[in-house]
Amino acid sequence: MVERRLLSTTILGVAVLAMLVLSGCASSNKYGAAKIGSIPEGAEIVNLKDQSHLGMTPAKVLFPGEPDTAEFVTIQLRKPGYIDRITSFWVNRKHGSPEAAEANAIDVKVELEKQ
C-alpha cells in the first residue's frame, strides 16, 4: 500500500512538472518585426516609449514579447537638415523566431521634409 501511494505521488509529481515545463514553453517569447525606411535614408530611429535608439534607416527592428500580443509602437525619425517626423504602427508578435519575424516584417516608410 505504501509503495502504491509512493508510486502515485511520484507519477503525479512528474505530471505536474511536465505541465509546468510545457506551459513555460508555451509562454516563451514570440516576435514581430518592422522594416523601417525613410526618404532619404540614414535617419536615426528612436522609440518614443523609452527614448531608445533602434538603428538607422533602413533597418529591420525586432519586437519580442508575450505570444500573440500586439504593441502600438511610436517612433521618431531624426536626420540633420530635415524636420523630425513621428509615426506609429502596430506590431503583432506571432512568429516563433526572429528570422521568421524579419522575413514577414511590416513595412514602415516615412518621407522626411527638408528644414
N, C-alpha and C. Protein backbone atom coordinates (compact mmCIF):
# COMPACT_ATOMS: atom_id res chain seq x y z
N MET A 1 0.82 -1.20 0.00
CA MET A 1 0.00 0.00 0.00
C MET A 1 0.87 1.26 0.00
N VAL A 2 1.95 1.27 0.81
CA VAL A 2 2.84 2.42 0.88
C VAL A 2 3.55 2.60 -0.47
N GLU A 3 3.96 1.48 -1.07
CA GLU A 3 4.64 1.57 -2.37
C GLU A 3 3.70 2.13 -3.44
N ARG A 4 2.44 1.72 -3.40
CA ARG A 4 1.47 2.20 -4.38
C ARG A 4 1.26 3.71 -4.21
N ARG A 5 1.16 4.17 -2.96
CA ARG A 5 0.98 5.60 -2.70
C ARG A 5 2.21 6.38 -3.16
N LEU A 6 3.41 5.84 -2.88
CA LEU A 6 4.65 6.48 -3.31
C LEU A 6 4.71 6.57 -4.83
N LEU A 7 4.30 5.50 -5.51
CA LEU A 7 4.29 5.49 -6.97
C LEU A 7 3.29 6.53 -7.50
N SER A 8 2.11 6.59 -6.90
CA SER A 8 1.10 7.57 -7.32
C SER A 8 1.60 8.99 -7.12
N THR A 9 2.24 9.24 -5.98
CA THR A 9 2.78 10.57 -5.70
C THR A 9 3.87 10.93 -6.70
N THR A 10 4.73 9.97 -7.03
CA THR A 10 5.81 10.20 -7.98
C THR A 10 5.23 10.50 -9.37
N ILE A 11 4.25 9.72 -9.79
CA ILE A 11 3.63 9.94 -11.10
C ILE A 11 2.95 11.30 -11.15
N LEU A 12 2.26 11.66 -10.07
CA LEU A 12 1.61 12.97 -10.01
C LEU A 12 2.65 14.09 -10.08
N GLY A 13 3.77 13.94 -9.37
CA GLY A 13 4.83 14.94 -9.38
C GLY A 13 5.43 15.11 -10.77
N VAL A 14 5.65 13.99 -11.45
CA VAL A 14 6.19 14.04 -12.81
C VAL A 14 5.19 14.73 -13.74
N ALA A 15 3.91 14.41 -13.59
CA ALA A 15 2.89 15.03 -14.44
C ALA A 15 2.83 16.54 -14.21
N VAL A 16 2.88 16.96 -12.95
CA VAL A 16 2.86 18.40 -12.64
C VAL A 16 4.09 19.08 -13.21
N LEU A 17 5.25 18.45 -13.05
CA LEU A 17 6.49 19.00 -13.60
C LEU A 17 6.40 19.12 -15.12
N ALA A 18 5.87 18.11 -15.77
CA ALA A 18 5.73 18.15 -17.23
C ALA A 18 4.79 19.29 -17.65
N MET A 19 3.71 19.47 -16.91
CA MET A 19 2.79 20.57 -17.24
C MET A 19 3.46 21.92 -17.07
N LEU A 20 4.26 22.07 -16.02
CA LEU A 20 4.96 23.33 -15.81
C LEU A 20 5.96 23.61 -16.92
N VAL A 21 6.69 22.58 -17.31
CA VAL A 21 7.67 22.75 -18.38
C VAL A 21 6.97 23.10 -19.68
N LEU A 22 5.89 22.38 -20.00
CA LEU A 22 5.17 22.66 -21.25
C LEU A 22 4.52 24.03 -21.24
N SER A 23 3.96 24.43 -20.13
CA SER A 23 3.35 25.76 -20.09
C SER A 23 4.42 26.84 -20.16
N GLY A 24 5.59 26.58 -19.63
CA GLY A 24 6.71 27.52 -19.74
C GLY A 24 7.13 27.68 -21.18
N CYS A 25 7.14 26.59 -21.93
CA CYS A 25 7.50 26.65 -23.34
C CYS A 25 6.44 27.43 -24.13
N ALA A 26 5.19 27.23 -23.76
CA ALA A 26 4.12 27.91 -24.47
C ALA A 26 4.16 29.42 -24.25
N SER A 27 4.71 29.85 -23.12
CA SER A 27 4.72 31.28 -22.84
C SER A 27 6.04 31.94 -23.22
N SER A 28 6.90 31.22 -23.95
CA SER A 28 8.16 31.83 -24.36
C SER A 28 7.88 32.94 -25.37
N ASN A 29 8.87 33.77 -25.59
CA ASN A 29 8.70 34.93 -26.46
C ASN A 29 8.31 34.54 -27.87
N LYS A 30 7.53 35.40 -28.47
CA LYS A 30 7.26 35.38 -29.91
C LYS A 30 7.77 36.71 -30.42
N TYR A 31 7.82 36.84 -31.73
CA TYR A 31 8.46 38.02 -32.32
C TYR A 31 7.59 38.67 -33.38
N GLY A 32 7.71 39.98 -33.42
CA GLY A 32 7.17 40.77 -34.51
C GLY A 32 8.32 41.63 -35.00
N ALA A 33 8.19 42.16 -36.20
CA ALA A 33 9.27 42.98 -36.75
C ALA A 33 8.71 44.04 -37.69
N ALA A 34 9.47 45.10 -37.80
CA ALA A 34 9.13 46.18 -38.74
C ALA A 34 10.37 46.50 -39.56
N LYS A 35 10.15 46.70 -40.85
CA LYS A 35 11.20 47.16 -41.76
C LYS A 35 10.97 48.66 -41.92
N ILE A 36 11.83 49.45 -41.26
CA ILE A 36 11.63 50.89 -41.20
C ILE A 36 12.57 51.58 -42.19
N GLY A 37 11.97 52.36 -43.06
CA GLY A 37 12.74 53.07 -44.07
C GLY A 37 12.37 54.54 -44.09
N SER A 38 13.23 55.32 -44.68
CA SER A 38 12.94 56.74 -44.81
C SER A 38 13.48 57.23 -46.15
N ILE A 39 12.88 58.31 -46.60
CA ILE A 39 13.36 59.02 -47.79
C ILE A 39 13.74 60.41 -47.31
N PRO A 40 15.01 60.79 -47.32
CA PRO A 40 16.17 59.97 -47.67
C PRO A 40 16.53 59.00 -46.55
N GLU A 41 17.38 58.03 -46.88
CA GLU A 41 17.86 57.06 -45.90
C GLU A 41 18.82 57.72 -44.92
N GLY A 42 19.13 56.99 -43.85
CA GLY A 42 20.12 57.46 -42.89
C GLY A 42 19.56 58.23 -41.73
N ALA A 43 18.26 58.08 -41.47
CA ALA A 43 17.65 58.76 -40.33
C ALA A 43 17.77 57.89 -39.09
N GLU A 44 17.98 58.52 -37.96
CA GLU A 44 18.01 57.82 -36.68
C GLU A 44 16.58 57.43 -36.30
N ILE A 45 16.41 56.19 -35.82
CA ILE A 45 15.10 55.69 -35.39
C ILE A 45 15.09 55.66 -33.87
N VAL A 46 14.16 56.39 -33.25
CA VAL A 46 14.06 56.47 -31.79
C VAL A 46 12.69 55.97 -31.37
N ASN A 47 12.67 55.01 -30.44
CA ASN A 47 11.42 54.52 -29.86
C ASN A 47 10.98 55.54 -28.81
N LEU A 48 9.84 56.18 -29.01
CA LEU A 48 9.41 57.22 -28.08
C LEU A 48 8.89 56.67 -26.76
N LYS A 49 8.68 55.36 -26.68
CA LYS A 49 8.25 54.74 -25.42
C LYS A 49 9.31 54.91 -24.34
N ASP A 50 10.58 54.72 -24.74
CA ASP A 50 11.66 54.78 -23.75
C ASP A 50 12.88 55.56 -24.26
N GLN A 51 12.73 56.25 -25.37
CA GLN A 51 13.80 57.04 -25.98
C GLN A 51 14.99 56.18 -26.43
N SER A 52 14.78 54.89 -26.65
CA SER A 52 15.89 54.02 -27.07
C SER A 52 16.16 54.18 -28.57
N HIS A 53 17.41 54.01 -28.91
CA HIS A 53 17.88 54.10 -30.30
C HIS A 53 17.67 52.73 -30.94
N LEU A 54 16.89 52.67 -32.03
CA LEU A 54 16.59 51.39 -32.69
C LEU A 54 17.43 51.14 -33.93
N GLY A 55 18.19 52.13 -34.36
CA GLY A 55 19.02 51.95 -35.54
C GLY A 55 18.91 53.15 -36.47
N MET A 56 19.44 52.96 -37.66
CA MET A 56 19.40 53.98 -38.71
C MET A 56 18.67 53.37 -39.90
N THR A 57 17.88 54.19 -40.58
CA THR A 57 17.15 53.67 -41.74
C THR A 57 18.10 53.42 -42.90
N PRO A 58 17.83 52.35 -43.66
CA PRO A 58 16.80 51.34 -43.45
C PRO A 58 17.23 50.34 -42.39
N ALA A 59 16.25 49.84 -41.63
CA ALA A 59 16.56 48.90 -40.56
C ALA A 59 15.38 47.96 -40.33
N LYS A 60 15.69 46.71 -40.01
CA LYS A 60 14.68 45.77 -39.54
C LYS A 60 14.80 45.75 -38.02
N VAL A 61 13.68 46.00 -37.35
CA VAL A 61 13.68 46.08 -35.90
C VAL A 61 12.78 44.99 -35.34
N LEU A 62 13.31 44.19 -34.40
CA LEU A 62 12.56 43.12 -33.75
C LEU A 62 11.85 43.64 -32.51
N PHE A 63 10.67 43.08 -32.26
CA PHE A 63 9.90 43.40 -31.07
C PHE A 63 9.48 42.10 -30.40
N PRO A 64 10.34 41.55 -29.51
CA PRO A 64 9.98 40.31 -28.82
C PRO A 64 8.98 40.60 -27.69
N GLY A 65 8.25 39.56 -27.32
CA GLY A 65 7.31 39.71 -26.20
C GLY A 65 6.43 38.50 -26.04
N GLU A 66 5.40 38.66 -25.25
CA GLU A 66 4.47 37.57 -24.98
C GLU A 66 3.81 37.12 -26.28
N PRO A 67 3.58 35.80 -26.42
CA PRO A 67 2.97 35.29 -27.65
C PRO A 67 1.61 35.90 -27.94
N ASP A 68 1.34 36.10 -29.21
CA ASP A 68 0.05 36.57 -29.70
C ASP A 68 -0.41 37.87 -29.05
N THR A 69 0.54 38.77 -28.84
CA THR A 69 0.20 40.10 -28.35
C THR A 69 0.58 41.11 -29.43
N ALA A 70 0.00 42.27 -29.34
CA ALA A 70 0.30 43.34 -30.28
C ALA A 70 0.77 44.55 -29.48
N GLU A 71 1.60 45.35 -30.12
CA GLU A 71 2.08 46.57 -29.47
C GLU A 71 1.94 47.72 -30.45
N PHE A 72 1.43 48.83 -29.96
CA PHE A 72 1.35 50.05 -30.74
C PHE A 72 2.66 50.80 -30.51
N VAL A 73 3.48 50.89 -31.53
CA VAL A 73 4.82 51.47 -31.43
C VAL A 73 4.81 52.87 -32.03
N THR A 74 5.40 53.81 -31.31
CA THR A 74 5.54 55.17 -31.82
C THR A 74 7.03 55.49 -31.90
N ILE A 75 7.47 55.85 -33.09
CA ILE A 75 8.88 56.16 -33.31
C ILE A 75 9.03 57.57 -33.84
N GLN A 76 10.24 58.08 -33.68
CA GLN A 76 10.59 59.37 -34.26
C GLN A 76 11.80 59.15 -35.15
N LEU A 77 11.76 59.73 -36.33
CA LEU A 77 12.90 59.68 -37.25
C LEU A 77 13.57 61.04 -37.24
N ARG A 78 14.90 61.02 -37.06
CA ARG A 78 15.67 62.27 -36.98
C ARG A 78 16.84 62.22 -37.96
N LYS A 79 16.99 63.30 -38.71
CA LYS A 79 18.13 63.41 -39.63
C LYS A 79 18.49 64.88 -39.73
N PRO A 80 19.78 65.19 -39.56
CA PRO A 80 20.20 66.59 -39.67
C PRO A 80 19.78 67.19 -41.01
N GLY A 81 19.24 68.42 -40.93
CA GLY A 81 18.79 69.11 -42.13
C GLY A 81 17.35 68.81 -42.50
N TYR A 82 16.68 67.92 -41.74
CA TYR A 82 15.30 67.53 -42.02
C TYR A 82 14.46 67.71 -40.76
N ILE A 83 13.17 67.91 -40.96
CA ILE A 83 12.23 68.04 -39.83
C ILE A 83 12.01 66.66 -39.23
N ASP A 84 12.12 66.56 -37.89
CA ASP A 84 11.84 65.29 -37.21
C ASP A 84 10.42 64.84 -37.53
N ARG A 85 10.26 63.54 -37.70
CA ARG A 85 8.94 63.00 -38.07
C ARG A 85 8.57 61.88 -37.12
N ILE A 86 7.34 61.90 -36.63
CA ILE A 86 6.82 60.87 -35.72
C ILE A 86 5.80 60.04 -36.48
N THR A 87 5.86 58.72 -36.30
CA THR A 87 4.88 57.83 -36.91
C THR A 87 4.61 56.68 -35.94
N SER A 88 3.46 56.03 -36.10
CA SER A 88 3.07 54.92 -35.23
C SER A 88 2.57 53.77 -36.08
N PHE A 89 2.68 52.56 -35.53
CA PHE A 89 2.24 51.36 -36.22
C PHE A 89 2.04 50.24 -35.21
N TRP A 90 1.28 49.23 -35.60
CA TRP A 90 1.06 48.05 -34.77
C TRP A 90 2.03 46.95 -35.17
N VAL A 91 2.58 46.27 -34.16
CA VAL A 91 3.42 45.09 -34.38
C VAL A 91 2.75 43.92 -33.68
N ASN A 92 2.52 42.84 -34.43
CA ASN A 92 1.93 41.63 -33.86
C ASN A 92 3.02 40.60 -33.61
N ARG A 93 3.04 40.08 -32.40
CA ARG A 93 4.04 39.07 -32.03
C ARG A 93 3.44 37.68 -32.26
N LYS A 94 3.71 37.14 -33.43
CA LYS A 94 3.13 35.85 -33.79
C LYS A 94 4.14 34.89 -34.39
N HIS A 95 5.38 35.31 -34.51
CA HIS A 95 6.40 34.47 -35.15
C HIS A 95 7.26 33.79 -34.09
N GLY A 96 7.59 32.53 -34.34
CA GLY A 96 8.35 31.73 -33.38
C GLY A 96 9.83 32.01 -33.33
N SER A 97 10.34 32.73 -34.31
CA SER A 97 11.78 33.02 -34.31
C SER A 97 12.01 34.43 -34.85
N PRO A 98 13.16 35.01 -34.48
CA PRO A 98 13.50 36.33 -35.03
C PRO A 98 13.58 36.31 -36.57
N GLU A 99 14.09 35.20 -37.11
CA GLU A 99 14.23 35.09 -38.57
C GLU A 99 12.87 35.11 -39.26
N ALA A 100 11.90 34.40 -38.69
CA ALA A 100 10.55 34.37 -39.28
C ALA A 100 9.91 35.75 -39.20
N ALA A 101 10.11 36.44 -38.08
CA ALA A 101 9.55 37.78 -37.93
C ALA A 101 10.16 38.73 -38.95
N GLU A 102 11.48 38.67 -39.12
CA GLU A 102 12.14 39.56 -40.08
C GLU A 102 11.70 39.26 -41.51
N ALA A 103 11.49 37.99 -41.82
CA ALA A 103 11.05 37.63 -43.16
C ALA A 103 9.64 38.15 -43.45
N ASN A 104 8.86 38.39 -42.40
CA ASN A 104 7.48 38.87 -42.55
C ASN A 104 7.29 40.25 -41.92
N ALA A 105 8.35 41.03 -41.88
CA ALA A 105 8.30 42.35 -41.25
C ALA A 105 7.32 43.27 -41.97
N ILE A 106 6.61 44.08 -41.17
CA ILE A 106 5.72 45.07 -41.79
C ILE A 106 6.58 46.22 -42.31
N ASP A 107 6.13 46.83 -43.39
CA ASP A 107 6.85 47.96 -43.98
C ASP A 107 6.38 49.27 -43.37
N VAL A 108 7.33 50.06 -42.90
CA VAL A 108 7.04 51.40 -42.40
C VAL A 108 7.95 52.34 -43.17
N LYS A 109 7.37 53.20 -43.99
CA LYS A 109 8.17 54.11 -44.82
C LYS A 109 7.74 55.54 -44.52
N VAL A 110 8.72 56.39 -44.25
CA VAL A 110 8.46 57.78 -43.89
C VAL A 110 9.27 58.69 -44.80
N GLU A 111 8.61 59.69 -45.35
CA GLU A 111 9.32 60.69 -46.16
C GLU A 111 9.61 61.90 -45.30
N LEU A 112 10.89 62.26 -45.21
CA LEU A 112 11.30 63.40 -44.41
C LEU A 112 11.29 64.67 -45.24
N GLU A 113 10.94 65.77 -44.60
CA GLU A 113 10.88 67.07 -45.28
C GLU A 113 12.08 67.91 -44.87
N LYS A 114 12.72 68.55 -45.86
CA LYS A 114 13.86 69.42 -45.56
C LYS A 114 13.42 70.59 -44.69
N GLN A 115 14.36 71.06 -43.85
CA GLN A 115 14.07 72.22 -42.98
C GLN A 115 14.07 73.48 -43.80
